[in-house]
Amino acid sequence: MKKKPSHKSTKGKLVKNKGEHIPLKEFLANKKIVPGKKERGSGVYALYNGTKLYYIGLSVSSIRQRLRSHSKEGSSKYGNWNNFSFYQMPFKKRSKYVKDIETILISIFDPKHNKQKGKIY
């Protein structure tokens, strides 16, 4: 009896690493829990105030740096969020897709604090 050829699954190929509902205090105590530039930290992230979605963003090089900038005094987002989720995507050459993914998420969830809505063609 012949075996059917096995097909490699592509499931899980879009997201390399993730963290969900991480408290801001935990991030500030140990920023390395989020991928930085050395780890090719491109991807999307969501900021929450409690359980309420506050903002969706993207990074093409360092999610850590984007979160760091949002947590600094003087940022328009400072003090408005207390936990976050991130989804790191493993592609450097395809980082252009990160913007499309962010645009889709913003279109679906429509966070009030995202000023740029993006365009879907």
Foldseek 3Di string as FASTA:
>chain_A
DDDDDDDDDCPPQFFDDKDAFAFPVVCVVPVVVAFAQVQQQWAKKFFAAVPHTADIDTDRGGPSVVSVQLCDPPHPNHPVGTTMMITGGPDNVVSVCRVVVSLVVCVVPVHVPDPDNDDDD
